[in-house]
Amino acid sequence: MGRERIAVIGNGIIGHGVAQVFASAGHPVTMIGRNQASLDGALAKIRGSLDDFVANDLLTKAEADTAAKSVTLSTKLSDAASADFVIEAVTEDLPLKLEIFGELDQLCGPDVILGSSSGQPASALLAKVKHRQRVIATHFWYPPQLIPLVEICGGPVCAPDILARTVALIRGAGKEPVVIEKEVKGFIGNRLQFALLREAWALWAEGIARPEAIDAVVKASFGRRIDITGPIESADIGGLATMVSFGNSLIPDLSTAPQAPEKVAAQLQAGAAMPGIYDWSKRDAGALRAERMAELFRWLKADRQKNQG
């Protein structure tokens, strides 16, 4: 794809990660935020994350320094005008997103791709856009610099060449683009994630098992194999006839609750410093997050070795 000029609108937990992804892939990046202090903080986080990549032998020190220097900071949306590809990564505030896309549509040439890293479908962002064919959903997962997946969905009016260019750019940046053929709320990943979470919550709320048991079942069973075989692959190679029969028996008994159980929602009112089903005053959430990050780095290194092999 060459050195495409990237503009990232927003410098929060997704925005600065997306900026790092493209800067590490050799693209000049302009990260645009509301104020200089928040931008400086985001750049510091990028530098810290790049240091982690060096420590995990995923970048050399020189490569990390080059990536950091490739990120330019700005508080002016107009600085996105010179980009080839713009990615919106602001807070989940639809009126704000509509304003931003309307302004970007006027600022940027008609061939500039306007992407959104949020969970909003492309069609939800078009109210103030004239060149609608170049708006596309590019849903990065947190943390973007460590999770390979980017869900891409053009919506009903997105031009085929915009979709193709976006896929090529995302793949060229080392991510794994997955094209969603038809817009659906939550895209694929969050729908699957929340289907599992709804059932897990229901099992706990109904007193079926303690949270430790529910989490252990996932981690010690299909969690071990899910990176190799996804749910449809697992059903196929496990024997579709058996899975259909078992599914027809079990599916009617699964939770169909339209919202989180009251017992789960009540945990928000419990007054804990970190609300949750677990008592986090007795557990080290920071250590658990660090363990998860280390595992994500392990997978990223494995991905790199597989691709190089």
Foldseek 3Di string as FASTA:
>chain_A
DPAFEEEEEDQPQARLLVLLLSLLLPHQYEYEYQDDVSVVVSLVVSLVVLVVCCVLVNDPPVSSVSSSVSYHYYHDLLVCQPGQEYEYDHDPDLVVLLVSQLVCLVNHDLNRAYEYQDQDALVSNPPNHDSSQRYKYFHADPPNNQAQETEIEREDRHDPVNSVVVCVSSVSSVHHYDYDDHDDGRGPPRVVVVLLVQQLLVCVVVPVDQNVVSVCVCVVPVVVCCVPPPPVRCCVVVDVVVVVVVCVVCVVVGDPDPDGDPVQVVQVVPPQPDGGSDNCVPPDPVVVVVVVVVVSSVVVVVVVVVVVD
